[in-house]
C-alpha atoms as a PDB file:
ATOM      1  CA  MET A   1      59.215  -7.412  49.013  1.00  0.00           C
ATOM      2  CA  ARG A   2      58.983  -4.318  51.128  1.00  0.00           C
ATOM      3  CA  ILE A   3      56.078  -3.799  53.491  1.00  0.00           C
ATOM      4  CA  HIS A   4      55.127  -0.140  53.773  1.00  0.00           C
ATOM      5  CA  ASN A   5      52.231  -0.387  56.168  1.00  0.00           C
ATOM      6  CA  ILE A   6      52.998  -0.975  59.853  1.00  0.00           C
ATOM      7  CA  GLN A   7      49.667  -2.801  60.275  1.00  0.00           C
ATOM      8  CA  ASP A   8      50.707  -5.314  57.624  1.00  0.00           C
ATOM      9  CA  GLU A   9      53.921  -5.984  59.537  1.00  0.00           C
ATOM     10  CA  GLN A  10      51.937  -6.600  62.710  1.00  0.00           C
ATOM     11  CA  VAL A  11      49.571  -9.015  60.936  1.00  0.00           C
ATOM     12  CA  LEU A  12      52.556 -10.883  59.509  1.00  0.00           C
ATOM     13  CA  GLY A  13      54.145 -10.921  62.970  1.00  0.00           C
ATOM     14  CA  ALA A  14      50.986 -12.335  64.526  1.00  0.00           C
ATOM     15  CA  ALA A  15      50.809 -15.027  61.839  1.00  0.00           C
ATOM     16  CA  LEU A  16      54.434 -15.965  62.477  1.00  0.00           C
ATOM     17  CA  MET A  17      53.780 -16.162  66.209  1.00  0.00           C
ATOM     18  CA  VAL A  18      50.787 -18.472  65.647  1.00  0.00           C
ATOM     19  CA  LEU A  19      52.939 -20.616  63.365  1.00  0.00           C
ATOM     20  CA  GLY A  20      55.661 -20.681  66.020  1.00  0.00           C
ATOM     21  CA  LEU A  21      53.188 -21.765  68.684  1.00  0.00           C
ATOM     22  CA  SER A  22      51.844 -24.568  66.516  1.00  0.00           C
ATOM     23  CA  LEU A  23      55.386 -25.697  65.750  1.00  0.00           C
ATOM     24  CA  GLY A  24      56.031 -25.597  69.492  1.00  0.00           C
ATOM     25  CA  GLY A  25      53.118 -27.982  70.011  1.00  0.00           C
ATOM     26  CA  ALA A  26      54.560 -30.289  67.381  1.00  0.00           C
ATOM     27  CA  ALA A  27      57.946 -30.073  69.124  1.00  0.00           C
ATOM     28  CA  VAL A  28      56.366 -31.113  72.427  1.00  0.00           C
ATOM     29  CA  ALA A  29      54.683 -34.085  70.773  1.00  0.00           C
ATOM     30  CA  ALA A  30      57.938 -35.078  69.065  1.00  0.00           C
ATOM     31  CA  ALA A  31      59.819 -34.758  72.361  1.00  0.00           C
ATOM     32  CA  LEU A  32      57.309 -37.021  74.094  1.00  0.00           C
ATOM     33  CA  LEU A  33      57.649 -39.613  71.341  1.00  0.00           C
ATOM     34  CA  ALA A  34      61.444 -39.379  71.503  1.00  0.00           C
ATOM     35  CA  THR A  35      61.351 -39.811  75.285  1.00  0.00           C
ATOM     36  CA  VAL A  36      59.261 -42.951  74.958  1.00  0.00           C
ATOM     37  CA  HIS A  37      61.601 -44.201  72.249  1.00  0.00           C
ATOM     38  CA  MET A  38      64.678 -43.594  74.421  1.00  0.00           C
ATOM     39  CA  ALA A  39      63.030 -45.363  77.355  1.00  0.00           C
ATOM     40  CA  GLN A  40      62.327 -48.424  75.229  1.00  0.00           C
ATOM     41  CA  THR A  41      65.701 -48.592  73.494  1.00  0.00           C
ATOM     42  CA  GLY A  42      67.946 -47.053  76.143  1.00  0.00           C
ATOM     43  CA  PRO A  43      71.212 -48.789  75.257  1.00  0.00           C
ATOM     44  CA  MET A  44      70.802 -48.098  71.539  1.00  0.00           C
ATOM     45  CA  CYS A  45      69.640 -44.472  71.631  1.00  0.00           C
ATOM     46  CA  GLY A  46      70.764 -42.019  74.222  1.00  0.00           C
ATOM     47  CA  PRO A  47      73.717 -40.213  75.689  1.00  0.00           C
ATOM     48  CA  THR A  48      76.144 -43.136  75.326  1.00  0.00           C
ATOM     49  CA  LEU A  49      75.853 -43.853  71.587  1.00  0.00           C
ATOM     50  CA  GLY A  50      74.328 -40.672  70.211  1.00  0.00           C
ATOM     51  CA  HIS A  51      70.769 -39.811  69.392  1.00  0.00           C
ATOM     52  CA  CYS A  52      68.691 -41.000  66.468  1.00  0.00           C
ATOM     53  CA  PHE A  53      66.607 -38.988  64.016  1.00  0.00           C
ATOM     54  CA  ARG A  54      63.631 -38.806  66.408  1.00  0.00           C
ATOM     55  CA  CYS A  55      65.640 -36.972  69.027  1.00  0.00           C
ATOM     56  CA  VAL A  56      67.281 -34.708  66.461  1.00  0.00           C
ATOM     57  CA  ALA A  57      63.906 -33.942  64.852  1.00  0.00           C
ATOM     58  CA  ALA A  58      62.440 -32.950  68.219  1.00  0.00           C
ATOM     59  CA  CYS A  59      65.323 -30.526  68.808  1.00  0.00           C
ATOM     60  CA  ALA A  60      65.059 -29.146  65.268  1.00  0.00           C
ATOM     61  CA  LEU A  61      61.325 -28.531  65.709  1.00  0.00           C
ATOM     62  CA  LEU A  62      61.962 -26.726  68.970  1.00  0.00           C
ATOM     63  CA  LEU A  63      64.592 -24.463  67.410  1.00  0.00           C
ATOM     64  CA  THR A  64      62.332 -23.752  64.442  1.00  0.00           C
ATOM     65  CA  ALA A  65      59.414 -22.905  66.738  1.00  0.00           C
ATOM     66  CA  MET A  66      61.530 -20.547  68.823  1.00  0.00           C
ATOM     67  CA  SER A  67      63.013 -18.749  65.820  1.00  0.00           C
ATOM     68  CA  THR A  68      59.647 -18.389  64.074  1.00  0.00           C
ATOM     69  CA  ALA A  69      57.961 -17.021  67.189  1.00  0.00           C
ATOM     70  CA  GLY A  70      60.920 -14.694  67.765  1.00  0.00           C
ATOM     71  CA  ALA A  71      60.703 -13.346  64.227  1.00  0.00           C
ATOM     72  CA  GLY A  72      56.986 -12.758  64.702  1.00  0.00           C
ATOM     73  CA  ALA A  73      57.565 -10.986  67.998  1.00  0.00           C
ATOM     74  CA  SER A  74      60.165  -8.713  66.447  1.00  0.00           C
ATOM     75  CA  LEU A  75      57.707  -7.723  63.723  1.00  0.00           C
ATOM     76  CA  MET A  76      54.995  -6.969  66.271  1.00  0.00           C
ATOM     77  CA  THR A  77      57.044  -4.454  68.236  1.00  0.00           C
ATOM     78  CA  SER A  78      55.924  -0.886  67.806  1.00  0.00           C
ATOM     79  CA  ARG A  79      58.023   1.153  65.440  1.00  0.00           C
ATOM     80  CA  ARG A  80      57.891   4.819  64.843  1.00  0.00           C
ATOM     81  CA  ALA A  81      57.412   6.151  61.374  1.00  0.00           C
ATOM     82  CA  PRO A  82      60.477   7.998  60.108  1.00  0.00           C
ATOM     83  CA  CYS A  83      60.303  11.750  60.407  1.00  0.00           C
ATOM     84  CA  PRO A  84      60.110  13.553  57.088  1.00  0.00           C
ATOM     85  CA  ALA A  85      63.148  15.629  56.226  1.00  0.00           C
ATOM     86  CA  SER A  86      62.586  19.267  56.959  1.00  0.00           C
END
């Protein structure tokens, strides 16, 4: 799919940034839950034995949020229309 209108690209970029921000909120909530989990089961989950799925999911959400917001920001940058050949 090719987007020809620059306004459409900016709308898509804004939507991706909103999605990235909401995923960032989910990543914060997952990180808080993982922190509580690590505090309760310190010897079983943590730096000594490796992290469980809660910790890995929090990191994966954070990376997804950052990449989605970055893709949206790159679409929102102003681009010049190509000059017609003379």
